[in-house]
């Protein structure tokens, strides 16, 4: 893991969940999994390439009810209308880490398509650009 990825992941994990003011960004249900995404206004970094922390809660309905949460650090390039993931971590019940963090430093730049909800993150970061 590169130094940049380590620093990004550290910043992502150090942002306090208990005192954070999370606001709902989007909600989606595909019939099997219900997803609600939230953003943390205090994590917004306004820069040439803005960044923000996003939390997504995934849940499945009864009788096999389960849930997990994922926290993501997204970066946008408003000029080229693209977005990329800088870091992520997944949690299960009781906040235990479920899946190891992203191994690479970041994903490649991609268009913020509607299918995965990245468009909501892009619009949040690039509103007014």
Protein backbone atom coordinates (compact mmCIF):
# COMPACT_ATOMS: atom_id res chain seq x y z
CA UNK A 1 0.00 0.00 0.00
CA UNK A 2 1.43 3.37 -0.95
CA UNK A 3 1.92 6.23 1.48
CA UNK A 4 -0.87 8.22 -0.21
CA UNK A 5 -3.32 5.32 0.17
CA UNK A 6 -2.28 4.76 3.78
CA UNK A 7 -2.82 8.43 4.64
CA UNK A 8 -6.19 8.50 2.84
CA UNK A 9 -7.35 5.36 4.61
CA UNK A 10 -6.15 6.70 7.97
CA UNK A 11 -8.07 9.93 7.48
CA UNK A 12 -11.13 7.95 6.51
CA UNK A 13 -10.95 5.74 9.58
CA UNK A 14 -10.16 8.57 12.00
CA UNK A 15 -13.23 10.63 11.19
CA UNK A 16 -15.46 10.23 14.26
CA UNK A 17 -18.68 8.31 13.56
CA UNK A 18 -20.30 9.02 16.93
CA UNK A 19 -20.17 12.79 16.69
CA UNK A 20 -20.52 13.09 12.94
CA UNK A 21 -23.57 14.69 11.40
CA UNK A 22 -24.50 12.31 8.60
CA UNK A 23 -27.09 13.38 6.04
CA UNK A 24 -28.96 11.06 3.72
CA UNK A 25 -27.79 11.27 0.12
CA UNK A 26 -29.71 8.52 -1.68
CA UNK A 27 -31.77 5.39 -1.15
CA UNK A 28 -32.17 2.40 -3.44
CA UNK A 29 -33.88 -0.98 -3.28
CA UNK A 30 -33.34 -3.64 -5.93
CA UNK A 31 -35.74 -6.13 -4.31
CA UNK A 32 -32.98 -8.13 -2.63
CA UNK A 33 -30.77 -5.49 -1.03
CA UNK A 34 -31.83 -2.13 0.39
CA UNK A 35 -29.10 0.56 0.28
CA UNK A 36 -29.10 3.94 1.99
CA UNK A 37 -26.14 6.27 1.48
CA UNK A 38 -25.18 9.15 3.76
CA UNK A 39 -22.57 11.86 3.49
CA UNK A 40 -20.65 13.63 6.21
CA UNK A 41 -20.69 17.41 5.53
CA UNK A 42 -17.69 17.94 7.80
CA UNK A 43 -15.56 15.61 5.68
CA UNK A 44 -16.00 17.66 2.49
CA UNK A 45 -12.68 18.91 1.19
CA UNK A 46 -13.07 21.68 -1.38
CA UNK A 47 -10.04 21.62 -3.64
CA UNK A 48 -9.16 21.30 -7.30
CA UNK A 49 -10.39 17.71 -6.91
CA UNK A 50 -12.94 17.71 -4.06
CA UNK A 51 -13.30 14.74 -1.68
CA UNK A 52 -15.97 13.47 0.73
CA UNK A 53 -16.71 10.52 3.02
CA UNK A 54 -19.78 8.47 2.16
CA UNK A 55 -21.35 5.73 4.34
CA UNK A 56 -23.59 3.13 2.71
CA UNK A 57 -25.79 0.83 4.80
CA UNK A 58 -26.73 -2.41 3.02
CA UNK A 59 -29.55 -4.52 4.45
CA UNK A 60 -31.49 -7.60 3.42
CA UNK A 61 -35.08 -8.20 4.50
CA UNK A 62 -36.35 -10.93 6.85
CA UNK A 63 -36.34 -13.90 7.19
CA UNK A 64 -32.61 -13.75 6.43
CA UNK A 65 -32.14 -10.22 7.74
CA UNK A 66 -28.55 -9.03 7.74
CA UNK A 67 -26.70 -5.80 7.22
CA UNK A 68 -23.28 -4.32 6.64
CA UNK A 69 -21.96 -0.81 6.27
CA UNK A 70 -19.24 0.50 4.02
CA UNK A 71 -17.42 3.79 4.33
CA UNK A 72 -15.90 5.29 1.18
CA UNK A 73 -13.64 8.23 0.41
CA UNK A 74 -14.52 9.60 -3.05
CA UNK A 75 -12.71 12.17 -5.18
CA UNK A 76 -14.17 13.99 -8.19
CA UNK A 77 -12.63 15.70 -11.18
CA UNK A 78 -15.39 18.19 -11.95
CA UNK A 79 -13.65 19.48 -15.08
CA UNK A 80 -13.49 16.06 -16.77
CA UNK A 81 -16.78 14.90 -15.17
CA UNK A 82 -15.24 11.82 -13.56
CA UNK A 83 -15.02 10.25 -10.11
CA UNK A 84 -12.81 7.70 -8.36
CA UNK A 85 -12.67 5.82 -5.10
CA UNK A 86 -9.64 6.61 -2.93
CA UNK A 87 -10.31 4.29 0.03
CA UNK A 88 -12.95 2.02 1.54
CA UNK A 89 -13.62 -0.12 4.59
CA UNK A 90 -16.52 -2.50 5.31
CA UNK A 91 -18.15 -3.27 8.66
CA UNK A 92 -20.66 -5.81 9.96
CA UNK A 93 -22.83 -5.69 13.06
CA UNK A 94 -21.21 -4.11 16.12
CA UNK A 95 -18.71 -2.22 13.96
CA UNK A 96 -16.36 -5.15 13.42
CA UNK A 97 -14.35 -4.88 10.25
CA UNK A 98 -15.78 -7.38 7.79
CA UNK A 99 -13.70 -7.11 4.65
CA UNK A 100 -10.12 -5.86 4.36
CA UNK A 101 -9.70 -2.32 3.08
CA UNK A 102 -8.96 -1.63 -0.57
CA UNK A 103 -5.51 -2.85 -1.48
CA UNK A 104 -4.70 -0.48 -4.32
CA UNK A 105 -4.21 3.24 -3.74
CA UNK A 106 -7.37 4.14 -5.65
CA UNK A 107 -9.61 3.10 -8.51
CA UNK A 108 -9.29 4.48 -12.01
CA UNK A 109 -11.23 7.59 -13.01
CA UNK A 110 -14.72 6.64 -14.24
CA UNK A 111 -17.90 8.37 -15.34
CA UNK A 112 -20.41 8.88 -12.51
CA UNK A 113 -23.12 6.59 -13.91
CA UNK A 114 -26.64 6.39 -12.56
CA UNK A 115 -26.69 2.59 -12.06
CA UNK A 116 -24.43 2.49 -9.00
CA UNK A 117 -25.34 5.79 -7.37
CA UNK A 118 -21.97 7.43 -8.10
CA UNK A 119 -23.89 10.23 -9.80
CA UNK A 120 -25.20 11.37 -6.40
CA UNK A 121 -21.65 11.63 -5.02
CA UNK A 122 -20.45 13.45 -8.14
CA UNK A 123 -23.33 15.95 -7.97
CA UNK A 124 -22.63 16.57 -4.29
CA UNK A 125 -18.94 17.26 -4.97
CA UNK A 126 -19.31 19.22 -8.20
CA UNK A 127 -22.49 21.16 -7.58
CA UNK A 128 -21.98 24.60 -9.06
CA UNK A 129 -18.86 23.61 -11.02
